[in-house]
């Protein structure tokens, strides 16, 4: 028997936001705040939150509503909720290679539920999920927004799209076993249709497998797999629909063709060269480089069942990617914070900050890559990425000074999303 929807409708009515004139106001104070918009630290900040958004950012002692709830975080440092621009919430590195085949398809959604909570509690209040099967990232987004599960805001890509035999295809089976080809296309027209399909079912960004990859079987990590004509068709169609395009690309030729076609972000960018840097700056594209997970993959990959050829490719590409990161930053390429979490454990996303500093960024630049810059790359500077009036009241608090020790971000004491504390203060 299907239960009546009336109790659910009543519950939704009772849980609906109060009118603005009734909305509770919260005042948050702490020892200091990192202002990512100006690149400065503000001492003794006082932040006013109403109806889930920041309404003013000032100093302690400024006038506040007399009936406001007060949250004093003492000696801690406040930062905006962090943004990871490259995650796979429905993946778990413990099940790599052929080990993924032991589970039913629905298992991966349960993995995503657990990973969404871990990610949020680690201080990441927004993520861009760049590839999942079964439109699972859209399902997670809907579950979070309807209040059934806890997790960050999700910008979903649905399936990552690519060509037959490429990084996004299922290459681990013999010809006698056929698998769905939801994400596969092989001409400009087919790719246009695929973009429309992903958009139809909830994609807010289009993810393209432009070159070979580390985790895929049967391809070379740097080999181009999508032609210029195909990527141009993808970009034109996505931009026409108001979507941005994120391109998985390790190899130089694929990176440069993608940049010439007008893509918005290059993921990995391991073998980018001086021409890549020039094209990125010319077209205003961002590099989104996952330079931490090499450590985890080489330490744990074999134990987790990773294909031997994937381990070999990681050994070939990992150090080169970090050197490219340093060169791209020095050349003035716009950089983002993206971890590829799912190839290492979710909830450990902040470990990448230290690598970004080790390979050339200042602590402030690394923090801005995961806040101000990420919001800009998402086209969401009115909503996320800074503690500023009008934006969602997403913030975190850490002990110590992350500008002096960036590893402070690896242990987040308090997390607030849309004005609601989800970790820390009772």
Protein backbone atom coordinates (compact mmCIF):
# COMPACT_ATOMS: atom_id res chain seq x y z
CA UNK A 1 0.00 0.00 0.00
CA UNK A 2 1.26 3.46 -0.88
CA UNK A 3 1.02 5.75 2.18
CA UNK A 4 -0.93 8.98 1.96
CA UNK A 5 1.10 12.02 0.98
CA UNK A 6 -0.94 14.26 3.27
CA UNK A 7 1.34 13.86 6.35
CA UNK A 8 4.36 14.64 4.20
CA UNK A 9 2.64 17.71 2.77
CA UNK A 10 1.76 18.87 6.30
CA UNK A 11 5.33 18.28 7.46
CA UNK A 12 6.66 20.28 4.51
CA UNK A 13 4.30 23.12 5.39
CA UNK A 14 5.43 23.11 9.01
CA UNK A 15 9.10 23.09 7.97
CA UNK A 16 8.74 25.85 5.39
CA UNK A 17 10.88 28.96 6.03
CA UNK A 18 9.21 31.63 8.10
CA UNK A 19 8.50 34.99 6.47
CA UNK A 20 11.50 37.29 6.50
CA UNK A 21 10.00 39.40 9.28
CA UNK A 22 9.85 36.30 11.51
CA UNK A 23 13.21 34.83 10.54
CA UNK A 24 15.62 34.14 13.39
CA UNK A 25 18.83 36.15 13.43
CA UNK A 26 22.17 34.74 14.54
CA UNK A 27 25.31 36.71 15.39
CA UNK A 28 28.62 34.85 15.08
CA UNK A 29 31.83 36.13 16.63
CA UNK A 30 35.39 34.79 16.81
CA UNK A 31 38.98 35.95 17.17
CA UNK A 32 39.58 36.51 13.45
CA UNK A 33 38.14 36.00 9.98
CA UNK A 34 39.82 35.36 6.64
CA UNK A 35 38.35 37.79 4.10
CA UNK A 36 38.97 35.95 0.83
CA UNK A 37 37.68 38.83 -1.28
CA UNK A 38 40.35 41.27 -0.10
CA UNK A 39 43.02 38.78 0.96
CA UNK A 40 43.12 40.25 4.47
CA UNK A 41 42.48 39.01 8.00
CA UNK A 42 39.82 40.80 10.05
CA UNK A 43 40.27 40.76 13.84
CA UNK A 44 37.27 40.37 16.15
CA UNK A 45 34.68 39.93 13.37
CA UNK A 46 30.94 40.04 13.97
CA UNK A 47 28.76 38.32 11.39
CA UNK A 48 24.99 38.68 11.27
CA UNK A 49 22.93 35.92 9.65
CA UNK A 50 19.23 36.10 8.82
CA UNK A 51 17.17 33.47 7.03
CA UNK A 52 20.21 31.45 5.99
CA UNK A 53 22.23 34.29 4.47
CA UNK A 54 24.84 36.71 5.66
CA UNK A 55 23.25 40.12 6.18
CA UNK A 56 26.21 42.08 7.56
CA UNK A 57 29.90 41.58 8.26
CA UNK A 58 31.44 43.97 10.76
CA UNK A 59 33.39 44.18 13.99
CA UNK A 60 32.43 43.13 17.50
CA UNK A 61 30.59 45.98 19.16
CA UNK A 62 28.61 47.00 16.10
CA UNK A 63 24.84 47.21 16.75
CA UNK A 64 22.88 43.96 16.32
CA UNK A 65 19.21 42.99 16.79
CA UNK A 66 18.46 42.66 20.49
CA UNK A 67 16.73 39.27 20.10
CA UNK A 68 19.53 37.70 18.02
CA UNK A 69 20.96 34.33 18.95
CA UNK A 70 24.68 34.64 19.70
CA UNK A 71 27.37 32.10 18.77
CA UNK A 72 30.82 32.97 20.08
CA UNK A 73 33.58 30.77 18.66
CA UNK A 74 36.25 32.16 20.93
CA UNK A 75 39.85 32.09 19.69
CA UNK A 76 39.04 30.35 16.43
CA UNK A 77 39.44 31.59 12.86
CA UNK A 78 36.43 31.91 10.56
CA UNK A 79 36.50 31.15 6.84
CA UNK A 80 33.84 30.74 4.16
CA UNK A 81 32.51 27.25 3.55
CA UNK A 82 35.02 25.53 1.27
CA UNK A 83 34.35 24.45 -2.32
CA UNK A 84 35.83 21.33 -3.94
CA UNK A 85 35.54 21.62 -7.72
CA UNK A 86 36.27 17.97 -8.53
CA UNK A 87 34.71 15.13 -6.55
CA UNK A 88 33.03 11.79 -7.20
CA UNK A 89 30.75 11.28 -4.20
CA UNK A 90 29.53 7.86 -5.33
CA UNK A 91 33.05 6.41 -5.59
CA UNK A 92 35.18 4.83 -2.88
CA UNK A 93 38.91 4.13 -3.42
CA UNK A 94 38.71 1.01 -1.27
CA UNK A 95 36.94 -0.66 -4.19
CA UNK A 96 39.18 -0.17 -7.20
CA UNK A 97 39.70 -2.12 -10.40
CA UNK A 98 37.54 -5.21 -10.73
CA UNK A 99 36.45 -5.01 -7.09
CA UNK A 100 33.68 -2.58 -8.04
CA UNK A 101 31.88 -5.43 -9.83
CA UNK A 102 30.95 -7.22 -6.60
CA UNK A 103 28.16 -4.72 -5.81
CA UNK A 104 24.74 -4.00 -7.21
CA UNK A 105 24.30 -0.64 -8.94
CA UNK A 106 22.25 0.80 -6.06
CA UNK A 107 25.13 0.23 -3.63
CA UNK A 108 26.94 3.29 -4.96
CA UNK A 109 24.14 5.63 -3.97
CA UNK A 110 24.49 4.46 -0.36
CA UNK A 111 28.22 5.16 -0.65
CA UNK A 112 27.33 8.65 -1.89
CA UNK A 113 25.09 9.33 1.10
CA UNK A 114 27.91 8.53 3.53
CA UNK A 115 30.46 10.49 1.51
CA UNK A 116 28.22 13.54 1.28
CA UNK A 117 28.06 13.75 5.07
CA UNK A 118 31.82 13.26 5.43
CA UNK A 119 32.49 15.98 2.89
CA UNK A 120 30.22 18.49 4.59
CA UNK A 121 31.64 17.76 8.03
CA UNK A 122 35.13 18.33 6.63
CA UNK A 123 34.10 21.91 5.87
CA UNK A 124 33.20 21.62 2.19
CA UNK A 125 29.75 23.15 1.87
CA UNK A 126 29.70 23.12 -1.96
CA UNK A 127 31.10 20.57 -4.42
CA UNK A 128 31.09 20.04 -8.15
CA UNK A 129 30.48 16.34 -8.79
CA UNK A 130 32.09 15.70 -12.16
CA UNK A 131 30.79 12.30 -13.12
CA UNK A 132 28.56 9.56 -11.69
CA UNK A 133 26.56 6.69 -13.08
CA UNK A 134 22.79 6.47 -13.05
CA UNK A 135 22.35 10.22 -12.51
CA UNK A 136 23.19 9.45 -8.88
CA UNK A 137 24.67 12.89 -8.20
CA UNK A 138 21.35 14.48 -9.14
CA UNK A 139 19.60 12.10 -6.74
CA UNK A 140 22.00 13.05 -3.95
CA UNK A 141 21.46 16.73 -4.66
CA UNK A 142 17.70 16.28 -4.47
CA UNK A 143 17.93 14.25 -1.26
CA UNK A 144 20.06 16.95 0.39
CA UNK A 145 17.84 19.78 -0.76
CA UNK A 146 14.71 18.00 0.48
CA UNK A 147 16.30 17.39 3.88
CA UNK A 148 16.48 13.60 3.77
CA UNK A 149 20.27 13.43 4.04
CA UNK A 150 23.11 15.71 5.10
CA UNK A 151 25.61 16.96 2.56
CA UNK A 152 27.05 19.89 0.64
CA UNK A 153 25.46 21.82 -2.18
CA UNK A 154 26.09 19.75 -5.30
CA UNK A 155 26.70 21.01 -8.81
CA UNK A 156 26.08 17.77 -10.77
CA UNK A 157 27.48 16.68 -14.12
CA UNK A 158 25.54 13.39 -14.27
CA UNK A 159 27.57 11.13 -16.57
CA UNK A 160 31.02 12.16 -17.76
CA UNK A 161 30.86 11.90 -21.55
CA UNK A 162 33.48 10.49 -23.90
CA UNK A 163 34.27 8.39 -26.95
CA UNK A 164 34.20 4.66 -27.61
CA UNK A 165 37.19 2.99 -25.98
CA UNK A 166 38.17 6.16 -24.14
CA UNK A 167 38.60 7.05 -20.50
CA UNK A 168 34.82 7.26 -19.90
CA UNK A 169 34.01 3.95 -21.59
CA UNK A 170 33.84 0.53 -19.94
CA UNK A 171 37.01 -1.07 -21.27
CA UNK A 172 37.42 -3.81 -18.68
CA UNK A 173 35.15 -6.38 -20.36
CA UNK A 174 35.52 -8.76 -23.35
CA UNK A 175 33.35 -8.26 -26.46
CA UNK A 176 30.87 -10.89 -25.23
CA UNK A 177 29.82 -8.58 -22.39
CA UNK A 178 28.03 -5.42 -23.44
CA UNK A 179 27.41 -2.48 -21.13
CA UNK A 180 25.15 0.58 -21.46
CA UNK A 181 26.67 3.39 -23.51
CA UNK A 182 24.71 6.25 -21.96
CA UNK A 183 27.78 8.47 -21.88
CA UNK A 184 29.40 7.58 -25.24
CA UNK A 185 29.36 9.56 -28.50
CA UNK A 186 31.50 9.56 -31.65
CA UNK A 187 30.69 12.64 -33.74
CA UNK A 188 29.91 16.32 -33.22
CA UNK A 189 26.19 15.69 -33.74
CA UNK A 190 26.15 12.78 -31.29
CA UNK A 191 27.90 14.90 -28.70
CA UNK A 192 25.41 17.72 -29.15
CA UNK A 193 22.59 15.26 -28.51
CA UNK A 194 24.42 13.89 -25.46
CA UNK A 195 24.82 17.37 -23.96
CA UNK A 196 21.10 17.95 -24.40
CA UNK A 197 20.34 14.61 -22.73
CA UNK A 198 22.56 15.29 -19.71
CA UNK A 199 21.01 18.74 -19.37
CA UNK A 200 17.54 17.24 -19.57
CA UNK A 201 18.23 14.94 -16.62
CA UNK A 202 19.85 17.47 -14.32
CA UNK A 203 23.42 18.26 -15.38
CA UNK A 204 24.58 21.73 -14.34
CA UNK A 205 28.05 21.23 -15.82
CA UNK A 206 29.17 19.02 -18.71
CA UNK A 207 32.18 16.81 -17.96
CA UNK A 208 34.15 15.56 -20.99
CA UNK A 209 36.85 12.87 -21.09
CA UNK A 210 39.18 14.57 -23.57
CA UNK A 211 42.26 12.36 -23.12
CA UNK A 212 43.23 9.07 -21.60
CA UNK A 213 43.30 8.66 -17.85
CA UNK A 214 45.01 6.89 -14.99
CA UNK A 215 42.14 4.72 -13.77
CA UNK A 216 40.93 3.50 -17.17
CA UNK A 217 42.14 0.34 -18.88
CA UNK A 218 43.49 0.13 -22.38
CA UNK A 219 44.35 3.77 -23.05
CA UNK A 220 47.41 5.98 -22.87
CA UNK A 221 47.13 8.64 -20.19
CA UNK A 222 47.97 11.56 -22.49
CA UNK A 223 46.35 10.44 -25.76
CA UNK A 224 43.65 12.72 -27.19
CA UNK A 225 40.28 10.93 -27.48
CA UNK A 226 37.88 13.71 -28.56
CA UNK A 227 38.54 15.72 -31.72
CA UNK A 228 38.57 19.49 -31.90
CA UNK A 229 35.34 19.45 -33.92
CA UNK A 230 33.68 17.29 -31.26
CA UNK A 231 34.79 19.37 -28.28
CA UNK A 232 33.77 22.56 -30.10
CA UNK A 233 30.29 21.09 -30.64
CA UNK A 234 30.09 20.21 -26.93
CA UNK A 235 31.16 23.67 -25.82
CA UNK A 236 28.84 25.48 -28.21
CA UNK A 237 25.84 23.38 -27.17
CA UNK A 238 26.59 23.54 -23.44
CA UNK A 239 27.14 27.29 -23.46
CA UNK A 240 23.94 27.77 -25.47
CA UNK A 241 22.11 25.94 -22.67
CA UNK A 242 23.82 28.00 -19.97
CA UNK A 243 26.11 25.15 -18.84
CA UNK A 244 29.85 25.25 -18.23
CA UNK A 245 32.25 22.61 -19.53
CA UNK A 246 34.85 20.78 -17.44
CA UNK A 247 37.38 18.72 -19.40
CA UNK A 248 39.35 15.78 -18.07
CA UNK A 249 42.67 16.18 -19.87
CA UNK A 250 46.16 14.98 -19.00
CA UNK A 251 47.76 15.20 -22.45
CA UNK A 252 49.08 18.37 -24.05
CA UNK A 253 47.25 18.13 -27.39
CA UNK A 254 43.90 17.45 -25.77
CA UNK A 255 44.37 20.29 -23.28
CA UNK A 256 45.21 22.77 -26.01
CA UNK A 257 42.38 21.77 -28.34
CA UNK A 258 39.93 22.01 -25.44
CA UNK A 259 41.19 25.49 -24.59
CA UNK A 260 40.91 26.60 -28.22
CA UNK A 261 37.32 25.35 -28.20
CA UNK A 262 36.48 27.58 -25.23
CA UNK A 263 36.09 25.13 -22.33
CA UNK A 264 35.73 26.59 -18.84
CA UNK A 265 37.97 24.34 -16.75
CA UNK A 266 40.76 21.87 -17.42
CA UNK A 267 40.79 19.01 -14.93
CA UNK A 268 44.17 17.44 -14.06
CA UNK A 269 46.16 19.38 -16.73
CA UNK A 270 49.14 17.15 -16.02
CA UNK A 271 51.13 17.71 -19.24
CA UNK A 272 50.09 21.29 -19.99
CA UNK A 273 52.85 23.35 -21.61
CA UNK A 274 53.64 27.02 -22.20
CA UNK A 275 51.10 27.12 -25.07
CA UNK A 276 48.49 25.72 -22.68
CA UNK A 277 49.22 28.50 -20.21
CA UNK A 278 48.93 31.11 -22.97
CA UNK A 279 45.64 29.70 -24.23
CA UNK A 280 44.18 29.42 -20.71
CA UNK A 281 44.94 33.06 -19.99
CA UNK A 282 43.70 34.15 -23.42
CA UNK A 283 40.35 32.37 -23.01
CA UNK A 284 39.91 32.92 -19.27
CA UNK A 285 39.92 29.20 -18.48
CA UNK A 286 40.82 27.69 -15.11
CA UNK A 287 43.14 24.81 -14.22
CA UNK A 288 41.74 22.41 -11.61
CA UNK A 289 44.61 20.15 -10.57
CA UNK A 290 44.33 17.27 -8.08
CA UNK A 291 47.89 17.26 -6.81
CA UNK A 292 47.39 15.45 -3.50
CA UNK A 293 45.90 12.11 -4.48
CA UNK A 294 49.16 10.83 -6.04
CA UNK A 295 50.36 10.21 -2.46
CA UNK A 296 47.32 8.11 -1.60
CA UNK A 297 47.22 6.19 -4.88
CA UNK A 298 50.84 5.11 -4.73
CA UNK A 299 50.56 4.17 -1.04
CA UNK A 300 47.20 2.38 -1.09
CA UNK A 301 46.26 1.66 -4.70
CA UNK A 302 47.65 -1.87 -5.00
CA UNK A 303 46.02 -2.92 -1.72
CA UNK A 304 42.69 -1.48 -2.94
CA UNK A 305 42.75 -3.57 -6.13
CA UNK A 306 43.84 -0.93 -8.62
CA UNK A 307 44.78 -2.20 -12.06
CA UNK A 308 48.57 -2.64 -12.35
CA UNK A 309 48.56 -0.49 -15.50
CA UNK A 310 46.81 2.29 -13.56
CA UNK A 311 49.52 2.24 -10.92
CA UNK A 312 52.12 2.42 -13.67
CA UNK A 313 50.38 5.41 -15.24
CA UNK A 314 50.16 7.18 -11.87
CA UNK A 315 53.89 6.70 -11.33
CA UNK A 316 54.45 8.19 -14.78
CA UNK A 317 52.20 11.21 -14.36
CA UNK A 318 52.03 12.21 -10.68
CA UNK A 319 55.30 14.10 -10.32
CA UNK A 320 54.87 15.74 -13.73
CA UNK A 321 51.46 17.04 -12.71
CA UNK A 322 52.88 18.72 -9.62
CA UNK A 323 55.65 20.33 -11.64
CA UNK A 324 53.03 21.58 -14.11
CA UNK A 325 50.99 23.00 -11.23
CA UNK A 326 53.97 25.04 -10.08
CA UNK A 327 54.70 26.26 -13.61
CA UNK A 328 51.07 27.14 -14.34
CA UNK A 329 50.76 29.12 -11.12
CA UNK A 330 54.00 30.97 -11.84
CA UNK A 331 52.72 31.76 -15.35
CA UNK A 332 49.58 33.38 -13.97
CA UNK A 333 47.02 30.75 -14.97
CA UNK A 334 43.82 30.93 -12.91
CA UNK A 335 43.80 28.00 -10.47
CA UNK A 336 41.05 26.15 -8.58
CA UNK A 337 40.88 23.69 -5.71
CA UNK A 338 39.78 20.26 -6.94
CA UNK A 339 40.80 16.98 -5.35
CA UNK A 340 39.30 14.09 -7.36
CA UNK A 341 38.01 12.76 -4.02
CA UNK A 342 36.73 9.27 -4.66
CA UNK A 343 40.18 8.28 -5.85
CA UNK A 344 41.18 8.91 -2.25
CA UNK A 345 38.85 8.98 0.78
CA UNK A 346 36.15 11.63 1.02
CA UNK A 347 36.43 13.83 4.08
CA UNK A 348 40.18 14.18 3.58
CA UNK A 349 39.75 16.83 0.88
CA UNK A 350 41.60 19.50 2.86
CA UNK A 351 44.86 17.56 2.72
CA UNK A 352 45.41 19.06 -0.71
CA UNK A 353 45.89 22.58 0.69
CA UNK A 354 49.34 21.70 2.02
CA UNK A 355 50.37 20.31 -1.40
CA UNK A 356 49.25 23.49 -3.12
CA UNK A 357 51.42 25.51 -0.75
CA UNK A 358 54.33 23.10 -1.12
CA UNK A 359 54.17 23.51 -4.90
CA UNK A 360 54.08 27.27 -5.12
CA UNK A 361 50.96 28.91 -3.71
CA UNK A 362 50.74 31.08 -0.64
CA UNK A 363 48.26 29.87 2.00
CA UNK A 364 45.91 32.74 1.07
CA UNK A 365 46.02 31.78 -2.62
CA UNK A 366 45.25 28.15 -1.79
CA UNK A 367 42.29 29.20 0.36
CA UNK A 368 41.03 31.57 -2.33
CA UNK A 369 41.22 28.72 -4.88
CA UNK A 370 38.64 26.87 -2.76
CA UNK A 371 36.44 29.89 -2.07
CA UNK A 372 36.47 33.11 -4.11
CA UNK A 373 37.92 31.58 -7.29
CA UNK A 374 35.73 28.49 -7.15
CA UNK A 375 32.60 30.62 -6.80
CA UNK A 376 33.68 32.67 -9.81
CA UNK A 377 34.34 29.55 -11.90
CA UNK A 378 30.90 28.22 -10.96
CA UNK A 379 29.23 31.52 -11.83
CA UNK A 380 27.87 31.69 -8.28
CA UNK A 381 29.50 34.75 -6.75
CA UNK A 382 26.11 35.90 -5.46
CA UNK A 383 25.67 32.71 -3.42
CA UNK A 384 28.87 31.03 -2.21
CA UNK A 385 32.60 31.46 -1.80
CA UNK A 386 32.88 34.32 0.70
CA UNK A 387 31.58 35.64 4.00
CA UNK A 388 29.80 38.59 2.44
CA UNK A 389 26.37 40.17 2.69
CA UNK A 390 23.77 38.39 0.57
CA UNK A 391 25.58 35.09 0.19
CA UNK A 392 24.55 31.82 1.81
CA UNK A 393 25.66 31.68 5.43
CA UNK A 394 28.22 28.93 4.85
CA UNK A 395 31.22 29.18 7.14
CA UNK A 396 33.75 27.09 9.00
CA UNK A 397 35.85 27.67 12.09
CA UNK A 398 39.29 26.22 12.76
CA UNK A 399 41.66 26.32 15.68
CA UNK A 400 44.80 28.32 15.04
CA UNK A 401 45.76 30.39 12.02
CA UNK A 402 45.53 28.65 8.62
CA UNK A 403 47.61 31.41 7.04
CA UNK A 404 50.44 30.44 9.35
CA UNK A 405 49.80 26.69 9.20
CA UNK A 406 47.63 25.66 6.28
CA UNK A 407 47.16 22.22 7.83
CA UNK A 408 44.77 23.81 10.32
CA UNK A 409 42.14 23.34 7.60
CA UNK A 410 42.50 19.57 7.90
CA UNK A 411 40.69 19.62 11.26
CA UNK A 412 37.58 21.76 11.09
CA UNK A 413 35.93 22.46 14.45
CA UNK A 414 32.66 24.07 13.33
CA UNK A 415 30.71 23.87 10.07
CA UNK A 416 27.69 26.00 9.24
CA UNK A 417 25.64 25.65 6.07
CA UNK A 418 22.94 28.21 5.25
CA UNK A 419 22.99 29.45 8.83
CA UNK A 420 22.53 25.98 10.36
CA UNK A 421 25.36 24.48 12.42
CA UNK A 422 25.97 20.96 11.15
CA UNK A 423 29.12 20.25 13.16
CA UNK A 424 30.55 21.68 16.36
CA UNK A 425 28.61 24.07 18.56
CA UNK A 426 25.40 22.69 20.08
